[in-house]
N, C-alpha and C. Protein backbone atom coordinates (compact mmCIF):
# COMPACT_ATOMS: atom_id res chain seq x y z
N MET A 1 -30.06 20.37 -10.23
CA MET A 1 -29.50 19.55 -9.19
C MET A 1 -28.46 18.61 -9.81
N GLU A 2 -27.29 18.53 -9.19
CA GLU A 2 -26.23 17.67 -9.69
C GLU A 2 -26.50 16.22 -9.29
N SER A 3 -26.14 15.31 -10.18
CA SER A 3 -26.29 13.90 -9.85
C SER A 3 -25.05 13.41 -9.12
N VAL A 4 -25.24 12.43 -8.29
CA VAL A 4 -24.14 11.84 -7.54
C VAL A 4 -23.96 10.42 -8.05
N GLU A 5 -22.72 10.09 -8.36
CA GLU A 5 -22.42 8.76 -8.86
C GLU A 5 -21.73 7.96 -7.77
N GLN A 6 -22.22 6.76 -7.55
CA GLN A 6 -21.63 5.86 -6.56
C GLN A 6 -20.26 5.39 -7.04
N GLY A 7 -19.25 5.49 -6.20
CA GLY A 7 -17.91 5.04 -6.55
C GLY A 7 -17.82 3.52 -6.49
N SER A 8 -16.77 3.00 -7.07
CA SER A 8 -16.55 1.56 -7.12
C SER A 8 -15.91 1.01 -5.85
N GLY A 9 -15.41 1.93 -5.00
CA GLY A 9 -14.63 1.50 -3.83
C GLY A 9 -13.14 1.59 -4.10
N ASN A 10 -12.78 1.88 -5.34
CA ASN A 10 -11.38 2.05 -5.71
C ASN A 10 -11.28 3.35 -6.51
N VAL A 11 -10.80 4.39 -5.85
CA VAL A 11 -10.71 5.70 -6.49
C VAL A 11 -9.83 5.66 -7.73
N PHE A 12 -8.83 4.78 -7.74
CA PHE A 12 -7.93 4.69 -8.89
C PHE A 12 -8.66 4.14 -10.11
N ALA A 13 -9.58 3.22 -9.89
CA ALA A 13 -10.41 2.72 -10.99
C ALA A 13 -11.40 3.80 -11.43
N ASP A 14 -11.95 4.51 -10.46
CA ASP A 14 -12.95 5.53 -10.76
C ASP A 14 -12.39 6.66 -11.62
N ILE A 15 -11.09 6.97 -11.45
CA ILE A 15 -10.51 8.05 -12.25
C ILE A 15 -9.81 7.53 -13.50
N GLY A 16 -9.88 6.21 -13.71
CA GLY A 16 -9.41 5.63 -14.97
C GLY A 16 -7.93 5.33 -15.06
N LEU A 17 -7.24 5.19 -13.92
CA LEU A 17 -5.82 4.85 -13.98
C LEU A 17 -5.63 3.39 -14.39
N PRO A 18 -4.56 3.09 -15.09
CA PRO A 18 -4.27 1.68 -15.39
C PRO A 18 -3.85 0.96 -14.11
N ASP A 19 -4.12 -0.31 -14.03
CA ASP A 19 -3.76 -1.14 -12.87
C ASP A 19 -4.28 -0.57 -11.55
N PRO A 20 -5.55 -0.25 -11.47
CA PRO A 20 -6.07 0.39 -10.26
C PRO A 20 -5.96 -0.49 -9.01
N GLU A 21 -6.05 -1.82 -9.18
CA GLU A 21 -5.95 -2.70 -8.02
C GLU A 21 -4.56 -2.63 -7.40
N GLU A 22 -3.54 -2.54 -8.25
CA GLU A 22 -2.17 -2.43 -7.73
C GLU A 22 -1.98 -1.11 -7.00
N HIS A 23 -2.51 -0.03 -7.54
CA HIS A 23 -2.41 1.27 -6.87
C HIS A 23 -3.06 1.20 -5.48
N LEU A 24 -4.25 0.63 -5.42
CA LEU A 24 -4.95 0.55 -4.15
C LEU A 24 -4.20 -0.36 -3.17
N ALA A 25 -3.66 -1.46 -3.65
CA ALA A 25 -2.90 -2.36 -2.79
C ALA A 25 -1.68 -1.66 -2.21
N LYS A 26 -0.98 -0.90 -3.03
CA LYS A 26 0.20 -0.17 -2.54
C LYS A 26 -0.19 0.84 -1.46
N VAL A 27 -1.30 1.53 -1.67
CA VAL A 27 -1.76 2.51 -0.67
C VAL A 27 -2.08 1.80 0.64
N LYS A 28 -2.77 0.67 0.57
CA LYS A 28 -3.09 -0.06 1.80
C LYS A 28 -1.83 -0.51 2.53
N VAL A 29 -0.84 -0.97 1.80
CA VAL A 29 0.42 -1.39 2.42
C VAL A 29 1.13 -0.18 3.02
N SER A 30 1.13 0.95 2.31
CA SER A 30 1.80 2.14 2.85
C SER A 30 1.12 2.63 4.12
N LEU A 31 -0.19 2.54 4.20
CA LEU A 31 -0.91 2.92 5.42
C LEU A 31 -0.56 1.98 6.57
N LEU A 32 -0.41 0.71 6.27
CA LEU A 32 -0.01 -0.24 7.31
C LEU A 32 1.40 0.07 7.81
N ILE A 33 2.31 0.39 6.90
CA ILE A 33 3.67 0.76 7.28
C ILE A 33 3.63 1.97 8.21
N GLU A 34 2.85 2.97 7.84
CA GLU A 34 2.73 4.17 8.67
C GLU A 34 2.19 3.83 10.06
N ASP A 35 1.16 3.00 10.12
CA ASP A 35 0.59 2.60 11.41
C ASP A 35 1.61 1.86 12.28
N LEU A 36 2.38 0.97 11.67
CA LEU A 36 3.38 0.21 12.42
C LEU A 36 4.46 1.13 12.99
N ILE A 37 4.86 2.11 12.21
CA ILE A 37 5.87 3.07 12.67
C ILE A 37 5.33 3.87 13.86
N LYS A 38 4.08 4.32 13.75
CA LYS A 38 3.46 5.08 14.85
C LYS A 38 3.33 4.22 16.10
N GLU A 39 2.89 2.95 15.93
CA GLU A 39 2.74 2.05 17.08
C GLU A 39 4.06 1.88 17.83
N ARG A 40 5.15 1.85 17.11
CA ARG A 40 6.47 1.67 17.71
C ARG A 40 7.05 2.97 18.25
N GLY A 41 6.43 4.09 17.91
CA GLY A 41 6.93 5.38 18.37
C GLY A 41 8.24 5.78 17.72
N LEU A 42 8.45 5.33 16.48
CA LEU A 42 9.69 5.63 15.77
C LEU A 42 9.57 6.95 15.01
N THR A 43 10.68 7.65 14.92
CA THR A 43 10.74 8.79 14.01
C THR A 43 10.90 8.24 12.60
N GLN A 44 10.71 9.10 11.61
CA GLN A 44 10.92 8.65 10.23
C GLN A 44 12.36 8.23 10.02
N GLY A 45 13.30 8.94 10.62
CA GLY A 45 14.71 8.58 10.48
C GLY A 45 15.01 7.22 11.09
N GLN A 46 14.47 6.95 12.28
CA GLN A 46 14.67 5.66 12.92
C GLN A 46 14.04 4.54 12.10
N ALA A 47 12.80 4.78 11.66
CA ALA A 47 12.09 3.77 10.88
C ALA A 47 12.81 3.49 9.56
N ALA A 48 13.32 4.53 8.92
CA ALA A 48 14.06 4.35 7.67
C ALA A 48 15.28 3.47 7.91
N GLY A 49 15.96 3.68 9.04
CA GLY A 49 17.12 2.85 9.36
C GLY A 49 16.74 1.39 9.55
N VAL A 50 15.63 1.15 10.24
CA VAL A 50 15.14 -0.22 10.44
C VAL A 50 14.79 -0.86 9.11
N MET A 51 14.20 -0.08 8.21
CA MET A 51 13.71 -0.60 6.94
C MET A 51 14.78 -0.62 5.86
N GLY A 52 15.95 -0.06 6.13
CA GLY A 52 17.02 -0.05 5.13
C GLY A 52 16.76 0.88 3.97
N THR A 53 16.10 1.98 4.24
CA THR A 53 15.79 2.95 3.20
C THR A 53 16.16 4.33 3.71
N SER A 54 16.05 5.33 2.87
CA SER A 54 16.34 6.70 3.31
C SER A 54 15.09 7.32 3.92
N GLN A 55 15.30 8.36 4.71
CA GLN A 55 14.16 9.07 5.30
C GLN A 55 13.31 9.70 4.19
N ALA A 56 13.95 10.18 3.14
CA ALA A 56 13.21 10.78 2.03
C ALA A 56 12.30 9.75 1.35
N GLU A 57 12.81 8.53 1.16
CA GLU A 57 11.99 7.48 0.55
C GLU A 57 10.85 7.07 1.47
N LEU A 58 11.13 6.98 2.76
CA LEU A 58 10.07 6.64 3.71
C LEU A 58 9.00 7.73 3.71
N SER A 59 9.41 8.97 3.62
CA SER A 59 8.44 10.07 3.55
C SER A 59 7.54 9.91 2.33
N GLN A 60 8.10 9.49 1.21
CA GLN A 60 7.28 9.24 0.02
C GLN A 60 6.26 8.14 0.29
N ILE A 61 6.69 7.06 0.93
CA ILE A 61 5.77 5.96 1.23
C ILE A 61 4.63 6.46 2.10
N ILE A 62 4.95 7.21 3.13
CA ILE A 62 3.93 7.69 4.07
C ILE A 62 2.98 8.68 3.39
N ARG A 63 3.50 9.47 2.46
CA ARG A 63 2.66 10.44 1.75
C ARG A 63 1.89 9.81 0.59
N GLY A 64 2.14 8.51 0.34
CA GLY A 64 1.42 7.83 -0.74
C GLY A 64 1.97 8.10 -2.12
N VAL A 65 3.20 8.58 -2.20
CA VAL A 65 3.86 8.81 -3.49
C VAL A 65 4.61 7.51 -3.79
N LEU A 66 3.92 6.60 -4.48
CA LEU A 66 4.38 5.21 -4.55
C LEU A 66 4.80 4.74 -5.93
N ARG A 67 4.86 5.63 -6.89
CA ARG A 67 5.17 5.21 -8.26
C ARG A 67 6.54 4.57 -8.40
N ASP A 68 7.49 4.92 -7.52
CA ASP A 68 8.84 4.36 -7.60
C ASP A 68 9.03 3.13 -6.72
N PHE A 69 7.95 2.64 -6.11
CA PHE A 69 8.04 1.51 -5.19
C PHE A 69 7.27 0.31 -5.73
N THR A 70 7.95 -0.82 -5.79
CA THR A 70 7.28 -2.06 -6.19
C THR A 70 6.59 -2.66 -4.97
N MET A 71 5.67 -3.56 -5.22
CA MET A 71 5.04 -4.27 -4.11
C MET A 71 6.09 -5.05 -3.33
N ASP A 72 7.04 -5.64 -4.04
CA ASP A 72 8.10 -6.40 -3.38
C ASP A 72 8.87 -5.53 -2.40
N ARG A 73 9.20 -4.34 -2.82
CA ARG A 73 9.94 -3.43 -1.93
C ARG A 73 9.10 -3.04 -0.72
N LEU A 74 7.83 -2.78 -0.92
CA LEU A 74 6.95 -2.46 0.21
C LEU A 74 6.82 -3.65 1.15
N PHE A 75 6.77 -4.87 0.58
CA PHE A 75 6.72 -6.08 1.42
C PHE A 75 7.99 -6.21 2.25
N ARG A 76 9.13 -5.87 1.66
CA ARG A 76 10.39 -5.94 2.42
C ARG A 76 10.39 -4.92 3.56
N CYS A 77 9.75 -3.79 3.36
CA CYS A 77 9.60 -2.82 4.45
C CYS A 77 8.78 -3.41 5.58
N LEU A 78 7.70 -4.10 5.23
CA LEU A 78 6.88 -4.76 6.25
C LEU A 78 7.69 -5.83 6.98
N ASN A 79 8.46 -6.61 6.25
CA ASN A 79 9.31 -7.63 6.88
C ASN A 79 10.28 -7.00 7.86
N ALA A 80 10.88 -5.87 7.48
CA ALA A 80 11.82 -5.18 8.36
C ALA A 80 11.13 -4.68 9.63
N LEU A 81 9.82 -4.46 9.55
CA LEU A 81 9.03 -4.04 10.71
C LEU A 81 8.41 -5.25 11.42
N ASP A 82 9.03 -6.42 11.23
CA ASP A 82 8.65 -7.67 11.90
C ASP A 82 7.26 -8.16 11.52
N GLN A 83 6.89 -7.98 10.27
CA GLN A 83 5.60 -8.45 9.78
C GLN A 83 5.82 -9.54 8.75
N ASP A 84 5.00 -10.58 8.83
CA ASP A 84 4.97 -11.61 7.79
C ASP A 84 4.04 -11.13 6.68
N VAL A 85 4.38 -11.45 5.46
CA VAL A 85 3.53 -11.14 4.32
C VAL A 85 3.14 -12.46 3.69
N GLU A 86 1.85 -12.71 3.59
CA GLU A 86 1.35 -13.94 2.98
C GLU A 86 0.64 -13.58 1.69
N ILE A 87 0.92 -14.33 0.65
CA ILE A 87 0.28 -14.12 -0.64
C ILE A 87 -0.60 -15.33 -0.91
N SER A 88 -1.86 -15.08 -1.20
CA SER A 88 -2.82 -16.15 -1.45
C SER A 88 -3.31 -16.04 -2.89
N VAL A 89 -3.24 -17.16 -3.60
CA VAL A 89 -3.70 -17.18 -4.99
C VAL A 89 -4.86 -18.16 -5.09
N HIS A 90 -5.95 -17.74 -5.72
CA HIS A 90 -7.11 -18.61 -5.90
C HIS A 90 -7.86 -18.19 -7.16
N PRO A 91 -8.78 -19.02 -7.63
CA PRO A 91 -9.52 -18.67 -8.85
C PRO A 91 -10.22 -17.32 -8.70
N LYS A 92 -10.29 -16.58 -9.78
CA LYS A 92 -10.91 -15.26 -9.75
C LYS A 92 -12.38 -15.35 -9.37
N ARG A 93 -12.86 -14.30 -8.74
CA ARG A 93 -14.25 -14.24 -8.30
C ARG A 93 -15.07 -13.29 -9.17
N GLU A 94 -14.38 -12.49 -9.96
CA GLU A 94 -15.06 -11.51 -10.80
C GLU A 94 -14.70 -11.76 -12.25
N ALA A 95 -15.09 -10.85 -13.12
CA ALA A 95 -14.87 -11.02 -14.55
C ALA A 95 -13.39 -11.15 -14.91
N ARG A 96 -12.53 -10.54 -14.12
CA ARG A 96 -11.09 -10.67 -14.36
C ARG A 96 -10.37 -10.76 -13.03
N GLY A 97 -9.16 -11.25 -13.05
CA GLY A 97 -8.37 -11.35 -11.82
C GLY A 97 -8.06 -9.99 -11.26
N ARG A 98 -7.77 -9.93 -9.97
CA ARG A 98 -7.46 -8.65 -9.33
C ARG A 98 -6.49 -8.85 -8.19
N VAL A 99 -5.93 -7.77 -7.71
CA VAL A 99 -5.01 -7.78 -6.59
C VAL A 99 -5.74 -7.22 -5.38
N LEU A 100 -5.70 -7.94 -4.28
CA LEU A 100 -6.35 -7.49 -3.05
C LEU A 100 -5.34 -7.53 -1.91
N VAL A 101 -5.44 -6.57 -1.00
CA VAL A 101 -4.62 -6.58 0.20
C VAL A 101 -5.57 -6.62 1.39
N ALA A 102 -5.43 -7.64 2.21
CA ALA A 102 -6.24 -7.77 3.42
C ALA A 102 -5.34 -7.44 4.60
N VAL A 103 -5.71 -6.42 5.34
CA VAL A 103 -4.93 -5.99 6.50
C VAL A 103 -5.75 -6.28 7.75
N PRO A 104 -5.11 -6.94 8.73
CA PRO A 104 -5.87 -7.28 9.95
C PRO A 104 -6.36 -6.06 10.69
């Protein structure tokens, strides 16, 4: 019988990638961008125009291919979709500091 190991809640940490919190944060932001585009009923081409990016780059964001995108750039995409981005800094709660994205 195979054993099952409980994940940490962050697949990027579980597979040993560096900076797993940043990877997870980018994915959460990209999912929010996708949801906002769907809510507005925009095509990828229309949304790319609103966000000041190409349709090909927006497709990468939606598919989660985020290695070429900084958090700042993703935040600017959210701003272009009429979203405020708030950054909160406070003392760490765990053994080391981490990056968290809270989406309403």
